[in-house]
N, C-alpha and C. Protein backbone atom coordinates (compact mmCIF):
# COMPACT_ATOMS: atom_id res chain seq x y z
N UNK A 1 21.41 152.55 -84.44
CA UNK A 1 21.32 153.05 -85.76
C UNK A 1 22.70 152.99 -86.03
N UNK A 2 22.80 152.45 -87.44
CA UNK A 2 24.45 152.44 -88.11
C UNK A 2 24.70 153.79 -88.82
N UNK A 3 25.70 154.51 -88.47
CA UNK A 3 26.10 155.83 -89.10
C UNK A 3 27.56 155.65 -89.57
N UNK A 4 27.80 156.51 -90.89
CA UNK A 4 29.07 156.58 -91.37
C UNK A 4 30.09 157.76 -91.12
N UNK A 5 30.76 158.16 -90.75
CA UNK A 5 31.61 159.27 -90.47
C UNK A 5 32.84 159.22 -91.38
N UNK A 6 32.98 160.25 -92.01
CA UNK A 6 34.16 160.42 -92.65
C UNK A 6 34.88 161.73 -92.76
N UNK A 7 36.22 161.68 -92.23
CA UNK A 7 36.77 162.84 -91.96
C UNK A 7 38.03 162.81 -93.23
N UNK A 8 38.36 164.45 -93.39
CA UNK A 8 39.24 164.62 -94.45
C UNK A 8 40.45 164.42 -93.80
N UNK A 9 41.50 163.74 -94.20
CA UNK A 9 42.79 163.78 -93.14
C UNK A 9 43.43 164.67 -93.81
N UNK A 10 44.32 165.51 -92.78
CA UNK A 10 45.43 166.30 -93.22
C UNK A 10 46.42 165.75 -94.25
N UNK A 11 46.98 166.62 -94.87
CA UNK A 11 48.10 165.97 -95.99
C UNK A 11 48.95 166.98 -96.26
N UNK A 12 50.16 166.42 -96.71
CA UNK A 12 51.10 167.36 -96.73
C UNK A 12 51.36 167.31 -98.51
N UNK A 13 52.70 167.78 -99.19
CA UNK A 13 52.72 168.09 -100.26
C UNK A 13 53.18 167.09 -100.95
N UNK A 14 53.63 165.73 -100.06
CA UNK A 14 53.88 164.47 -100.55
C UNK A 14 52.94 163.76 -100.99
N UNK A 15 52.11 163.56 -99.73
CA UNK A 15 50.88 162.68 -99.70
C UNK A 15 49.57 163.47 -100.15
N UNK A 16 48.84 162.62 -100.80
CA UNK A 16 47.36 163.25 -101.45
C UNK A 16 46.25 163.28 -100.29
N UNK A 17 45.33 164.12 -100.81
CA UNK A 17 44.33 163.95 -99.73
C UNK A 17 43.45 162.64 -99.86
N UNK A 18 42.76 162.55 -98.66
CA UNK A 18 42.16 161.07 -98.78
C UNK A 18 40.85 160.92 -97.57
N UNK A 19 39.97 160.43 -97.46
CA UNK A 19 38.70 160.31 -96.22
C UNK A 19 39.24 159.11 -95.91
N UNK A 20 39.08 159.40 -94.26
CA UNK A 20 38.85 157.89 -93.47
C UNK A 20 37.74 157.98 -92.89
N UNK A 21 37.30 156.84 -93.14
CA UNK A 21 35.73 156.89 -92.65
C UNK A 21 35.70 155.35 -91.70
N UNK A 22 34.77 155.59 -90.86
CA UNK A 22 34.40 154.45 -89.69
C UNK A 22 32.87 154.65 -89.94
N UNK A 23 32.34 153.15 -89.59
CA UNK A 23 30.91 153.27 -89.23
C UNK A 23 30.63 152.51 -87.91
N UNK A 24 29.89 153.40 -87.23
CA UNK A 24 29.31 153.30 -85.73
C UNK A 24 27.98 152.91 -85.44
N UNK A 25 27.59 152.26 -84.57
CA UNK A 25 26.58 152.43 -84.00
C UNK A 25 26.06 153.22 -83.10
N UNK A 26 25.18 153.96 -83.00
CA UNK A 26 24.96 155.18 -82.06
C UNK A 26 23.55 154.90 -81.98
N UNK A 27 22.98 155.33 -80.88
CA UNK A 27 21.77 155.31 -80.25
C UNK A 27 20.87 156.65 -80.50
N UNK A 28 21.94 157.83 -80.55
CA UNK A 28 21.33 159.18 -80.75
C UNK A 28 22.35 160.05 -81.21
N UNK A 29 22.05 161.17 -81.53
CA UNK A 29 22.86 162.27 -82.16
C UNK A 29 24.21 162.58 -81.24
N UNK A 30 23.87 162.95 -80.10
CA UNK A 30 24.64 163.29 -79.24
C UNK A 30 26.05 162.23 -79.17
N UNK A 31 25.62 160.81 -78.95
CA UNK A 31 26.67 159.76 -79.01
C UNK A 31 27.44 159.96 -80.42
N UNK A 32 27.02 160.04 -81.24
CA UNK A 32 27.65 160.11 -82.51
C UNK A 32 28.50 161.31 -82.74
N UNK A 33 27.92 162.57 -82.05
CA UNK A 33 28.77 163.77 -82.28
C UNK A 33 29.87 163.69 -81.42
N UNK A 34 29.80 162.80 -80.13
CA UNK A 34 31.03 162.92 -79.05
C UNK A 34 32.05 162.08 -79.92
N UNK A 35 31.55 160.86 -80.70
CA UNK A 35 32.80 160.08 -81.27
C UNK A 35 33.12 160.66 -82.46
N UNK A 36 32.54 161.51 -83.26
CA UNK A 36 32.92 162.01 -84.45
C UNK A 36 34.14 163.36 -83.71
N UNK A 37 33.92 163.77 -83.00
CA UNK A 37 34.51 164.98 -82.37
C UNK A 37 35.85 164.32 -82.17
N UNK A 38 35.67 163.24 -81.17
CA UNK A 38 37.23 162.61 -80.85
C UNK A 38 37.90 162.19 -82.21
N UNK A 39 36.99 161.66 -83.35
CA UNK A 39 37.70 161.00 -84.41
C UNK A 39 38.45 161.78 -85.29
N UNK A 40 37.66 163.29 -85.38
CA UNK A 40 38.15 164.04 -86.07
C UNK A 40 39.31 164.61 -85.33
N UNK A 41 39.57 164.96 -84.23
CA UNK A 41 40.69 165.51 -83.40
C UNK A 41 41.88 164.60 -83.76
N UNK A 42 41.55 163.04 -83.68
CA UNK A 42 42.71 162.19 -83.80
C UNK A 42 43.28 162.08 -85.03
N UNK A 43 42.58 162.33 -86.00
CA UNK A 43 42.70 162.13 -87.58
C UNK A 43 43.44 163.57 -88.08
N UNK A 44 43.26 164.74 -87.55
CA UNK A 44 43.69 165.83 -87.90
C UNK A 44 44.44 166.98 -86.73
N UNK A 45 45.09 166.12 -86.07
CA UNK A 45 45.91 166.72 -84.94
C UNK A 45 47.42 166.95 -85.47
N UNK A 46 47.77 166.46 -86.54
CA UNK A 46 48.87 166.59 -87.25
C UNK A 46 48.63 167.06 -88.33
N UNK A 47 49.85 167.71 -88.92
CA UNK A 47 49.81 168.32 -90.39
C UNK A 47 49.83 167.52 -91.44
N UNK A 48 50.15 166.19 -91.19
CA UNK A 48 49.60 165.22 -92.17
C UNK A 48 49.70 163.93 -91.53
N UNK A 49 48.43 163.35 -91.71
CA UNK A 49 48.17 161.91 -91.12
C UNK A 49 48.95 160.89 -91.45
N UNK A 50 49.30 160.64 -92.79
CA UNK A 50 50.19 159.77 -93.43
C UNK A 50 51.51 159.59 -92.95
N UNK A 51 52.15 161.04 -92.75
CA UNK A 51 53.34 161.20 -92.15
C UNK A 51 53.52 160.71 -90.45
N UNK A 52 52.40 161.11 -90.22
CA UNK A 52 52.06 160.69 -88.71
C UNK A 52 52.24 159.58 -88.20
N UNK A 53 51.44 158.56 -88.92
CA UNK A 53 51.22 157.20 -89.16
C UNK A 53 52.45 156.51 -89.24
N UNK A 54 53.39 156.86 -90.49
CA UNK A 54 54.82 156.41 -91.05
C UNK A 54 55.96 157.12 -89.95
N UNK A 55 55.47 157.84 -89.38
CA UNK A 55 56.68 158.70 -88.39
C UNK A 55 56.72 157.33 -86.94
N UNK A 56 55.98 156.65 -86.76
CA UNK A 56 55.61 155.61 -85.61
C UNK A 56 55.61 154.18 -86.26
N UNK A 57 56.10 153.97 -87.91
CA UNK A 57 56.18 152.67 -88.37
C UNK A 57 54.91 152.04 -88.75
N UNK A 58 53.71 152.91 -88.95
CA UNK A 58 52.58 152.29 -89.32
C UNK A 58 52.14 152.76 -90.83
N UNK A 59 50.95 151.97 -90.90
CA UNK A 59 50.38 152.63 -92.42
C UNK A 59 48.91 153.09 -91.60
N UNK A 60 48.17 153.77 -92.59
CA UNK A 60 47.15 154.68 -92.07
C UNK A 60 46.00 153.80 -91.30
N UNK A 61 46.02 152.42 -91.95
CA UNK A 61 44.74 151.35 -91.41
C UNK A 61 45.21 151.46 -89.95
N UNK A 62 46.61 151.22 -89.75
CA UNK A 62 46.80 150.51 -88.29
C UNK A 62 46.79 151.84 -87.55
N UNK A 63 47.33 152.92 -88.29
CA UNK A 63 46.79 154.22 -87.27
C UNK A 63 45.59 154.63 -86.59
N UNK A 64 44.69 154.31 -87.67
CA UNK A 64 43.30 154.55 -87.10
C UNK A 64 42.68 153.45 -86.16
N UNK A 65 43.62 152.15 -86.72
CA UNK A 65 43.19 150.99 -85.74
C UNK A 65 43.34 151.28 -84.14
N UNK A 66 44.46 152.07 -83.93
CA UNK A 66 44.64 152.66 -82.60
C UNK A 66 43.76 153.40 -81.76
N UNK A 67 42.97 154.15 -82.52
CA UNK A 67 41.75 154.92 -82.47
C UNK A 67 40.75 154.15 -81.81
N UNK A 68 40.31 153.12 -82.90
CA UNK A 68 39.08 152.48 -82.47
C UNK A 68 39.53 151.49 -81.50
N UNK A 69 40.65 150.82 -81.45
CA UNK A 69 40.82 149.89 -80.34
C UNK A 69 41.51 150.23 -79.01
N UNK A 70 41.93 151.29 -79.06
CA UNK A 70 42.59 151.75 -77.70
C UNK A 70 41.79 153.31 -77.31
N UNK A 71 41.30 154.06 -78.07
CA UNK A 71 40.58 155.20 -77.40
C UNK A 71 39.03 155.02 -77.40
N UNK A 72 38.41 154.20 -78.49
CA UNK A 72 36.96 154.51 -78.29
C UNK A 72 36.78 153.43 -77.11
N UNK A 73 37.15 152.47 -76.67
CA UNK A 73 36.80 151.96 -75.18
C UNK A 73 37.07 152.58 -74.12
N UNK A 74 37.60 153.47 -74.21
CA UNK A 74 37.88 154.64 -72.96
C UNK A 74 36.62 155.56 -72.72
N UNK A 75 35.85 155.71 -73.94
CA UNK A 75 34.43 156.53 -73.83
C UNK A 75 33.36 155.40 -73.27
N UNK A 76 33.16 155.68 -72.45
CA UNK A 76 32.04 154.41 -71.84
C UNK A 76 30.65 154.25 -72.62
N UNK A 77 30.54 155.07 -73.68
CA UNK A 77 29.29 154.39 -74.58
C UNK A 77 29.82 153.99 -75.63
N UNK A 78 31.12 154.14 -76.06
CA UNK A 78 31.28 153.82 -77.67
C UNK A 78 31.90 152.39 -77.55
N UNK A 79 32.10 151.72 -76.73
CA UNK A 79 32.43 150.49 -76.89
C UNK A 79 31.48 149.66 -77.54
N UNK A 80 30.25 149.65 -76.85
CA UNK A 80 29.06 148.63 -77.31
C UNK A 80 28.40 149.44 -78.58
N UNK A 81 28.89 150.92 -78.83
CA UNK A 81 28.32 151.17 -80.43
C UNK A 81 28.94 151.05 -81.48
N UNK A 82 30.30 150.61 -81.03
CA UNK A 82 31.25 150.54 -82.48
C UNK A 82 30.95 149.38 -83.08
N UNK A 83 30.65 149.22 -84.21
CA UNK A 83 30.15 147.83 -85.10
C UNK A 83 31.45 147.78 -86.08
N UNK A 84 32.03 148.39 -86.83
CA UNK A 84 32.98 148.09 -87.88
C UNK A 84 33.88 149.31 -87.92
N UNK A 85 34.88 149.05 -88.56
CA UNK A 85 35.70 149.97 -89.31
C UNK A 85 36.03 149.66 -90.84
N UNK A 86 36.04 150.81 -91.61
CA UNK A 86 36.19 150.81 -93.13
C UNK A 86 36.84 152.05 -93.38
N UNK A 87 37.98 151.60 -94.42
CA UNK A 87 38.70 152.88 -95.05
C UNK A 87 38.58 153.15 -96.35
N UNK A 88 38.59 154.21 -97.08
CA UNK A 88 38.42 154.69 -98.41
C UNK A 88 39.64 155.25 -98.72
N UNK A 89 39.85 155.47 -99.66
CA UNK A 89 40.75 155.99 -100.22
C UNK A 89 42.30 156.46 -99.40
N UNK A 90 42.76 154.96 -98.83
CA UNK A 90 44.08 154.97 -98.27
C UNK A 90 45.01 155.21 -98.86
N UNK A 91 46.08 156.01 -99.07
CA UNK A 91 47.18 155.77 -100.17
C UNK A 91 48.25 154.93 -99.68
N UNK A 92 48.92 154.24 -100.37
CA UNK A 92 49.87 153.28 -100.22
C UNK A 92 51.02 153.94 -99.72
N UNK A 93 51.68 153.18 -98.91
CA UNK A 93 53.05 153.76 -98.25
C UNK A 93 53.92 154.06 -99.28
N UNK A 94 54.62 155.18 -99.43
CA UNK A 94 55.73 155.84 -100.12
C UNK A 94 57.01 155.02 -99.82
N UNK A 95 57.73 154.43 -100.84
CA UNK A 95 59.12 154.08 -100.73
C UNK A 95 60.07 155.26 -100.90
N UNK A 96 60.77 155.63 -99.88
CA UNK A 96 61.90 156.48 -100.01
C UNK A 96 63.15 156.48 -100.14
N UNK A 97 63.45 155.31 -100.42
CA UNK A 97 65.11 154.45 -101.10
C UNK A 97 65.02 153.75 -101.99
């Protein structure tokens, strides 16, 4: 079954709040909850998701892509259940200069 999960990203005073959304294929609720918990931890472990992405020279799309491409395959069930990734309300990178 295809399920969408949205996590509100942490944000600072410079960056606006936004949702990061991915769509996964899960056979049952525990698989969904396992992926959701890992995804929420990844997106919210810093004070600002955009600042975390920019600190390593990425935009949020690519930052979340690391989770999808590198971390999810480590979960034994996730590789075959991940269907697609889609983003909503991703802020554009700010120019500081």
